[in-house]
Amino acid sequence: MEIKAVIFDMDGVLIDSEIVYMKWEKAFFRQYGIELSDETYKETLGRSDIEVERALEKIWKAYGRKENFKALRDVYYSAPEIQTMDYSTILNDGVKETLSCLEKKGKRLALASSSALPEIKKVLKDCGLNEYFLTVVSGEQFKESKPNPEIYLYTANRLGVSPKECMVVEDSEAGIAAAKAAGMYVAAKKEERFLIDQSRADIVIETLTAVTEI
């Protein structure tokens, strides 16, 4: 069946953000004498902001910390150097070229990210990507985010196409699982730094421009 729409994940696909987020989380925990391992952080990839917070709070409590985790983390993330992050500095290579090429081919484009909508909007604004997407969907709109397929099924419906007519570009295990469960073709952007299992994807690509060839 012809691919009529391409749905992109954001973190790790459009922007190289996961390494930045991990650095921030590690720095936060280190202030309180806790070393957050790469393996532990990996378990949060592709999850919604709420789910990430819950997972990290479990680690916080496991170390016997009694302070209000959410309150302290909110203060930490309100720091100017984080709030004023310019996401264009971590835009992945070939993003605009890929989106422009797909648009010219008549493909319907969407963004479906587990991140909160304000963060998604800032990324799109910073990187100058708003013009490309017909619809933008956030994981916070659903009771369960990835690996639940609802976010992708909803996005396909918004685009007016069937799931089988969609290609999803993902990187995380949770995201790949969600897209496959939705019955979509999945291209995984290769990621080796977090030892992510991308074996369920239909194809693993080195760069985003490979999407246009598919």
C-alpha atoms as a PDB file:
ATOM      1  CA  MET A   1       0.000   0.000   0.000  1.00  0.00           C
ATOM      2  CA  GLU A   2       1.207   3.490  -0.840  1.00  0.00           C
ATOM      3  CA  ILE A   3       2.550   5.573   2.019  1.00  0.00           C
ATOM      4  CA  LYS A   4       0.398   8.709   2.093  1.00  0.00           C
ATOM      5  CA  ALA A   5       1.542  10.162   5.416  1.00  0.00           C
ATOM      6  CA  VAL A   6       4.721  10.323   7.472  1.00  0.00           C
ATOM      7  CA  ILE A   7       4.464  10.823  11.233  1.00  0.00           C
ATOM      8  CA  PHE A   8       7.573  11.962  13.091  1.00  0.00           C
ATOM      9  CA  ASP A   9       8.532  11.553  16.720  1.00  0.00           C
ATOM     10  CA  MET A  10      10.388  14.603  18.055  1.00  0.00           C
ATOM     11  CA  ASP A  11      13.017  13.818  20.702  1.00  0.00           C
ATOM     12  CA  GLY A  12      15.872  11.840  19.213  1.00  0.00           C
ATOM     13  CA  VAL A  13      14.407  12.101  15.707  1.00  0.00           C
ATOM     14  CA  LEU A  14      14.035  15.782  14.822  1.00  0.00           C
ATOM     15  CA  ILE A  15      16.302  17.018  17.602  1.00  0.00           C
ATOM     16  CA  ASP A  16      19.213  15.323  19.383  1.00  0.00           C
ATOM     17  CA  SER A  17      17.676  16.055  22.758  1.00  0.00           C
ATOM     18  CA  GLU A  18      17.897  12.827  24.749  1.00  0.00           C
ATOM     19  CA  ILE A  19      21.580  13.297  25.529  1.00  0.00           C
ATOM     20  CA  VAL A  20      20.796  16.838  26.755  1.00  0.00           C
ATOM     21  CA  TYR A  21      17.864  15.686  28.903  1.00  0.00           C
ATOM     22  CA  MET A  22      19.995  12.929  30.420  1.00  0.00           C
ATOM     23  CA  LYS A  23      22.684  15.474  31.312  1.00  0.00           C
ATOM     24  CA  TRP A  24      20.071  17.654  33.038  1.00  0.00           C
ATOM     25  CA  GLU A  25      18.538  14.758  34.974  1.00  0.00           C
ATOM     26  CA  LYS A  26      21.927  13.470  36.095  1.00  0.00           C
ATOM     27  CA  ALA A  27      22.901  16.953  37.298  1.00  0.00           C
ATOM     28  CA  PHE A  28      19.667  17.268  39.269  1.00  0.00           C
ATOM     29  CA  PHE A  29      20.100  13.929  41.041  1.00  0.00           C
ATOM     30  CA  ARG A  30      23.798  14.536  41.667  1.00  0.00           C
ATOM     31  CA  GLN A  31      22.910  17.604  43.753  1.00  0.00           C
ATOM     32  CA  TYR A  32      21.374  15.176  46.239  1.00  0.00           C
ATOM     33  CA  GLY A  33      24.106  12.547  46.159  1.00  0.00           C
ATOM     34  CA  ILE A  34      22.416  10.218  43.674  1.00  0.00           C
ATOM     35  CA  GLU A  35      24.166   8.968  40.532  1.00  0.00           C
ATOM     36  CA  LEU A  36      21.610   8.303  37.806  1.00  0.00           C
ATOM     37  CA  SER A  37      22.931   5.587  35.484  1.00  0.00           C
ATOM     38  CA  ASP A  38      22.612   5.609  31.697  1.00  0.00           C
ATOM     39  CA  GLU A  39      20.738   2.298  31.896  1.00  0.00           C
ATOM     40  CA  THR A  40      18.182   3.736  34.308  1.00  0.00           C
ATOM     41  CA  TYR A  41      17.661   6.825  32.161  1.00  0.00           C
ATOM     42  CA  LYS A  42      17.166   4.624  29.105  1.00  0.00           C
ATOM     43  CA  GLU A  43      13.966   3.262  30.653  1.00  0.00           C
ATOM     44  CA  THR A  44      12.373   6.726  30.378  1.00  0.00           C
ATOM     45  CA  LEU A  45      12.990   7.181  26.642  1.00  0.00           C
ATOM     46  CA  GLY A  46       9.876   7.717  24.570  1.00  0.00           C
ATOM     47  CA  ARG A  47       7.631   8.133  27.612  1.00  0.00           C
ATOM     48  CA  SER A  48       5.414  11.099  28.430  1.00  0.00           C
ATOM     49  CA  ASP A  49       6.674  13.808  30.785  1.00  0.00           C
ATOM     50  CA  ILE A  50       4.343  12.566  33.515  1.00  0.00           C
ATOM     51  CA  GLU A  51       5.556   8.992  33.162  1.00  0.00           C
ATOM     52  CA  VAL A  52       9.185  10.120  33.207  1.00  0.00           C
ATOM     53  CA  GLU A  53       8.576  12.095  36.383  1.00  0.00           C
ATOM     54  CA  ARG A  54       6.917   9.111  38.052  1.00  0.00           C
ATOM     55  CA  ALA A  55       9.773   6.784  37.100  1.00  0.00           C
ATOM     56  CA  LEU A  56      12.409   9.189  38.392  1.00  0.00           C
ATOM     57  CA  GLU A  57      10.481   9.814  41.604  1.00  0.00           C
ATOM     58  CA  LYS A  58      10.597   6.063  42.315  1.00  0.00           C
ATOM     59  CA  ILE A  59      14.390   6.238  42.116  1.00  0.00           C
ATOM     60  CA  TRP A  60      14.345   9.289  44.396  1.00  0.00           C
ATOM     61  CA  LYS A  61      12.319   7.448  47.033  1.00  0.00           C
ATOM     62  CA  ALA A  62      14.387   4.278  46.659  1.00  0.00           C
ATOM     63  CA  TYR A  63      17.361   6.305  47.878  1.00  0.00           C
ATOM     64  CA  GLY A  64      15.393   7.314  50.954  1.00  0.00           C
ATOM     65  CA  ARG A  65      14.916  10.955  50.038  1.00  0.00           C
ATOM     66  CA  LYS A  66      11.997  12.519  51.904  1.00  0.00           C
ATOM     67  CA  GLU A  67      11.883  15.901  50.166  1.00  0.00           C
ATOM     68  CA  ASN A  68       9.134  16.762  47.684  1.00  0.00           C
ATOM     69  CA  PHE A  69      10.624  15.467  44.430  1.00  0.00           C
ATOM     70  CA  LYS A  70       8.273  17.274  42.064  1.00  0.00           C
ATOM     71  CA  ALA A  71       8.712  20.638  43.776  1.00  0.00           C
ATOM     72  CA  LEU A  72      12.506  20.437  43.752  1.00  0.00           C
ATOM     73  CA  ARG A  73      12.606  19.212  40.149  1.00  0.00           C
ATOM     74  CA  ASP A  74      10.250  22.002  39.045  1.00  0.00           C
ATOM     75  CA  VAL A  75      12.563  24.592  40.609  1.00  0.00           C
ATOM     76  CA  TYR A  76      15.573  23.003  38.927  1.00  0.00           C
ATOM     77  CA  TYR A  77      13.900  23.067  35.505  1.00  0.00           C
ATOM     78  CA  SER A  78      12.822  26.691  35.935  1.00  0.00           C
ATOM     79  CA  ALA A  79      16.494  27.757  35.736  1.00  0.00           C
ATOM     80  CA  PRO A  80      17.114  30.314  32.944  1.00  0.00           C
ATOM     81  CA  GLU A  81      19.744  28.160  31.208  1.00  0.00           C
ATOM     82  CA  ILE A  82      17.138  25.420  30.758  1.00  0.00           C
ATOM     83  CA  GLN A  83      14.111  27.589  30.013  1.00  0.00           C
ATOM     84  CA  THR A  84      16.009  29.555  27.364  1.00  0.00           C
ATOM     85  CA  MET A  85      17.459  26.493  25.638  1.00  0.00           C
ATOM     86  CA  ASP A  86      17.700  27.142  21.890  1.00  0.00           C
ATOM     87  CA  TYR A  87      16.624  23.860  20.325  1.00  0.00           C
ATOM     88  CA  SER A  88      17.870  24.882  16.895  1.00  0.00           C
ATOM     89  CA  THR A  89      21.372  24.143  18.202  1.00  0.00           C
ATOM     90  CA  ILE A  90      20.503  20.434  18.452  1.00  0.00           C
ATOM     91  CA  LEU A  91      18.408  20.105  15.289  1.00  0.00           C
ATOM     92  CA  ASN A  92      19.417  16.863  13.578  1.00  0.00           C
ATOM     93  CA  ASP A  93      21.024  16.966  10.147  1.00  0.00           C
ATOM     94  CA  GLY A  94      18.722  16.817   7.156  1.00  0.00           C
ATOM     95  CA  VAL A  95      15.465  17.580   8.975  1.00  0.00           C
ATOM     96  CA  LYS A  96      14.289  20.521   6.884  1.00  0.00           C
ATOM     97  CA  GLU A  97      15.507  18.949   3.642  1.00  0.00           C
ATOM     98  CA  THR A  98      13.602  15.753   4.443  1.00  0.00           C
ATOM     99  CA  LEU A  99      10.375  17.507   5.421  1.00  0.00           C
ATOM    100  CA  SER A 100      10.510  19.770   2.365  1.00  0.00           C
ATOM    101  CA  CYS A 101      11.108  16.823   0.026  1.00  0.00           C
ATOM    102  CA  LEU A 102       8.231  14.797   1.500  1.00  0.00           C
ATOM    103  CA  GLU A 103       5.953  17.815   1.286  1.00  0.00           C
ATOM    104  CA  LYS A 104       6.795  18.235  -2.408  1.00  0.00           C
ATOM    105  CA  LYS A 105       6.009  14.541  -2.939  1.00  0.00           C
ATOM    106  CA  GLY A 106       2.511  15.245  -1.594  1.00  0.00           C
ATOM    107  CA  LYS A 107       2.914  13.350   1.681  1.00  0.00           C
ATOM    108  CA  ARG A 108       0.859  14.449   4.671  1.00  0.00           C
ATOM    109  CA  LEU A 109       3.161  15.225   7.596  1.00  0.00           C
ATOM    110  CA  ALA A 110       2.501  15.121  11.338  1.00  0.00           C
ATOM    111  CA  LEU A 111       4.396  15.259  14.595  1.00  0.00           C
ATOM    112  CA  ALA A 112       3.408  12.893  17.423  1.00  0.00           C
ATOM    113  CA  SER A 113       5.578  13.325  20.512  1.00  0.00           C
ATOM    114  CA  SER A 114       5.301  12.106  24.093  1.00  0.00           C
ATOM    115  CA  SER A 115       6.529  15.513  25.259  1.00  0.00           C
ATOM    116  CA  ALA A 116       4.261  18.218  26.673  1.00  0.00           C
ATOM    117  CA  LEU A 117       2.692  20.599  24.145  1.00  0.00           C
ATOM    118  CA  PRO A 118       4.487  23.778  25.374  1.00  0.00           C
ATOM    119  CA  GLU A 119       7.837  22.049  24.877  1.00  0.00           C
ATOM    120  CA  ILE A 120       6.828  20.807  21.420  1.00  0.00           C
ATOM    121  CA  LYS A 121       5.756  24.309  20.401  1.00  0.00           C
ATOM    122  CA  LYS A 122       9.069  25.791  21.572  1.00  0.00           C
ATOM    123  CA  VAL A 123      11.050  23.205  19.628  1.00  0.00           C
ATOM    124  CA  LEU A 124       9.055  23.858  16.456  1.00  0.00           C
ATOM    125  CA  LYS A 125       9.425  27.630  16.857  1.00  0.00           C
ATOM    126  CA  ASP A 126      13.153  27.524  17.627  1.00  0.00           C
ATOM    127  CA  CYS A 127      13.848  25.196  14.704  1.00  0.00           C
ATOM    128  CA  GLY A 128      11.485  26.866  12.235  1.00  0.00           C
ATOM    129  CA  LEU A 129       9.477  23.707  11.576  1.00  0.00           C
ATOM    130  CA  ASN A 130       5.874  24.832  12.138  1.00  0.00           C
ATOM    131  CA  GLU A 131       5.089  25.194   8.443  1.00  0.00           C
ATOM    132  CA  TYR A 132       5.666  21.530   7.639  1.00  0.00           C
ATOM    133  CA  PHE A 133       3.182  19.737   9.896  1.00  0.00           C
ATOM    134  CA  LEU A 134      -0.538  19.477   9.210  1.00  0.00           C
ATOM    135  CA  THR A 135      -1.130  18.346  12.782  1.00  0.00           C
ATOM    136  CA  VAL A 136       0.900  18.242  16.001  1.00  0.00           C
ATOM    137  CA  VAL A 137      -0.036  15.794  18.754  1.00  0.00           C
ATOM    138  CA  SER A 138       1.265  15.543  22.345  1.00  0.00           C
ATOM    139  CA  GLY A 139       1.328  12.484  24.578  1.00  0.00           C
ATOM    140  CA  GLU A 140      -0.252  14.547  27.349  1.00  0.00           C
ATOM    141  CA  GLN A 141      -3.522  14.431  25.373  1.00  0.00           C
ATOM    142  CA  PHE A 142      -3.956  10.749  26.251  1.00  0.00           C
ATOM    143  CA  LYS A 143      -4.371   8.710  29.401  1.00  0.00           C
ATOM    144  CA  GLU A 144      -1.508   6.488  28.275  1.00  0.00           C
ATOM    145  CA  SER A 145       1.289   7.544  25.945  1.00  0.00           C
ATOM    146  CA  LYS A 146       3.730   5.353  24.027  1.00  0.00           C
ATOM    147  CA  PRO A 147       3.999   2.315  23.894  1.00  0.00           C
ATOM    148  CA  ASN A 148       0.189   2.568  23.786  1.00  0.00           C
ATOM    149  CA  PRO A 149      -0.680   2.992  20.067  1.00  0.00           C
ATOM    150  CA  GLU A 150      -3.478   5.524  20.688  1.00  0.00           C
ATOM    151  CA  ILE A 151      -1.311   8.558  19.891  1.00  0.00           C
ATOM    152  CA  TYR A 152      -0.506   7.186  16.435  1.00  0.00           C
ATOM    153  CA  LEU A 153      -4.028   5.995  15.667  1.00  0.00           C
ATOM    154  CA  TYR A 154      -5.358   9.416  16.656  1.00  0.00           C
ATOM    155  CA  THR A 155      -2.767  11.173  14.484  1.00  0.00           C
ATOM    156  CA  ALA A 156      -3.615   9.042  11.437  1.00  0.00           C
ATOM    157  CA  ASN A 157      -7.281   9.908  11.929  1.00  0.00           C
ATOM    158  CA  ARG A 158      -6.424  13.614  12.099  1.00  0.00           C
ATOM    159  CA  LEU A 159      -4.529  13.257   8.808  1.00  0.00           C
ATOM    160  CA  GLY A 160      -7.424  11.464   7.158  1.00  0.00           C
ATOM    161  CA  VAL A 161      -5.454   8.322   6.310  1.00  0.00           C
ATOM    162  CA  SER A 162      -5.537   4.689   7.435  1.00  0.00           C
ATOM    163  CA  PRO A 163      -2.776   3.353   9.734  1.00  0.00           C
ATOM    164  CA  LYS A 164      -1.495   1.135   6.892  1.00  0.00           C
ATOM    165  CA  GLU A 165      -0.911   4.256   4.806  1.00  0.00           C
ATOM    166  CA  CYS A 166       1.423   5.749   7.435  1.00  0.00           C
ATOM    167  CA  MET A 167       5.142   5.605   7.954  1.00  0.00           C
ATOM    168  CA  VAL A 168       6.379   6.498  11.432  1.00  0.00           C
ATOM    169  CA  VAL A 169       9.908   7.736  12.113  1.00  0.00           C
ATOM    170  CA  GLU A 170      10.917   6.815  15.662  1.00  0.00           C
ATOM    171  CA  ASP A 171      13.965   5.997  17.768  1.00  0.00           C
ATOM    172  CA  SER A 172      12.846   4.671  21.168  1.00  0.00           C
ATOM    173  CA  GLU A 173      11.612   1.178  22.023  1.00  0.00           C
ATOM    174  CA  ALA A 174       8.358   2.587  23.386  1.00  0.00           C
ATOM    175  CA  GLY A 175       7.773   4.649  20.255  1.00  0.00           C
ATOM    176  CA  ILE A 176       8.542   1.792  17.885  1.00  0.00           C
ATOM    177  CA  ALA A 177       6.230  -0.518  19.856  1.00  0.00           C
ATOM    178  CA  ALA A 178       3.420   2.069  19.712  1.00  0.00           C
ATOM    179  CA  ALA A 179       3.711   2.528  15.959  1.00  0.00           C
ATOM    180  CA  LYS A 180       3.872  -1.212  15.248  1.00  0.00           C
ATOM    181  CA  ALA A 181       0.851  -1.817  17.468  1.00  0.00           C
ATOM    182  CA  ALA A 182      -0.971   0.814  15.409  1.00  0.00           C
ATOM    183  CA  GLY A 183      -0.229  -1.218  12.276  1.00  0.00           C
ATOM    184  CA  MET A 184       2.139   1.310  10.728  1.00  0.00           C
ATOM    185  CA  TYR A 185       5.416   0.976   8.828  1.00  0.00           C
ATOM    186  CA  VAL A 186       8.267   2.037  11.110  1.00  0.00           C
ATOM    187  CA  ALA A 187      11.629   3.538  10.203  1.00  0.00           C
ATOM    188  CA  ALA A 188      13.910   3.754  13.243  1.00  0.00           C
ATOM    189  CA  LYS A 189      16.563   6.465  13.282  1.00  0.00           C
ATOM    190  CA  LYS A 190      19.655   4.610  14.390  1.00  0.00           C
ATOM    191  CA  GLU A 191      20.632   5.314  18.000  1.00  0.00           C
ATOM    192  CA  GLU A 192      23.484   3.417  19.667  1.00  0.00           C
ATOM    193  CA  ARG A 193      24.315   5.626  22.660  1.00  0.00           C
ATOM    194  CA  PHE A 194      21.506   4.270  24.854  1.00  0.00           C
ATOM    195  CA  LEU A 195      21.615   0.604  23.731  1.00  0.00           C
ATOM    196  CA  ILE A 196      18.035   0.859  22.459  1.00  0.00           C
ATOM    197  CA  ASP A 197      16.491  -2.265  20.963  1.00  0.00           C
ATOM    198  CA  GLN A 198      15.236  -1.136  17.555  1.00  0.00           C
ATOM    199  CA  SER A 199      14.749  -4.644  16.172  1.00  0.00           C
ATOM    200  CA  ARG A 200      10.952  -4.317  15.912  1.00  0.00           C
ATOM    201  CA  ALA A 201      11.240  -1.522  13.351  1.00  0.00           C
ATOM    202  CA  ASP A 202      10.719  -2.385   9.686  1.00  0.00           C
ATOM    203  CA  ILE A 203      13.937  -0.614   8.773  1.00  0.00           C
ATOM    204  CA  VAL A 204      16.754   1.173  10.625  1.00  0.00           C
ATOM    205  CA  ILE A 205      18.066   4.320   8.936  1.00  0.00           C
ATOM    206  CA  GLU A 206      21.331   6.178   9.490  1.00  0.00           C
ATOM    207  CA  THR A 207      19.970   9.620   8.567  1.00  0.00           C
ATOM    208  CA  LEU A 208      16.556  11.236   8.175  1.00  0.00           C
ATOM    209  CA  THR A 209      17.104  11.868   4.483  1.00  0.00           C
ATOM    210  CA  ALA A 210      16.821   8.101   3.968  1.00  0.00           C
ATOM    211  CA  VAL A 211      13.078   8.506   4.641  1.00  0.00           C
ATOM    212  CA  THR A 212      12.643  10.221   1.270  1.00  0.00           C
ATOM    213  CA  GLU A 213      14.255   7.253  -0.488  1.00  0.00           C
ATOM    214  CA  ILE A 214      11.939   4.785   1.256  1.00  0.00           C
END
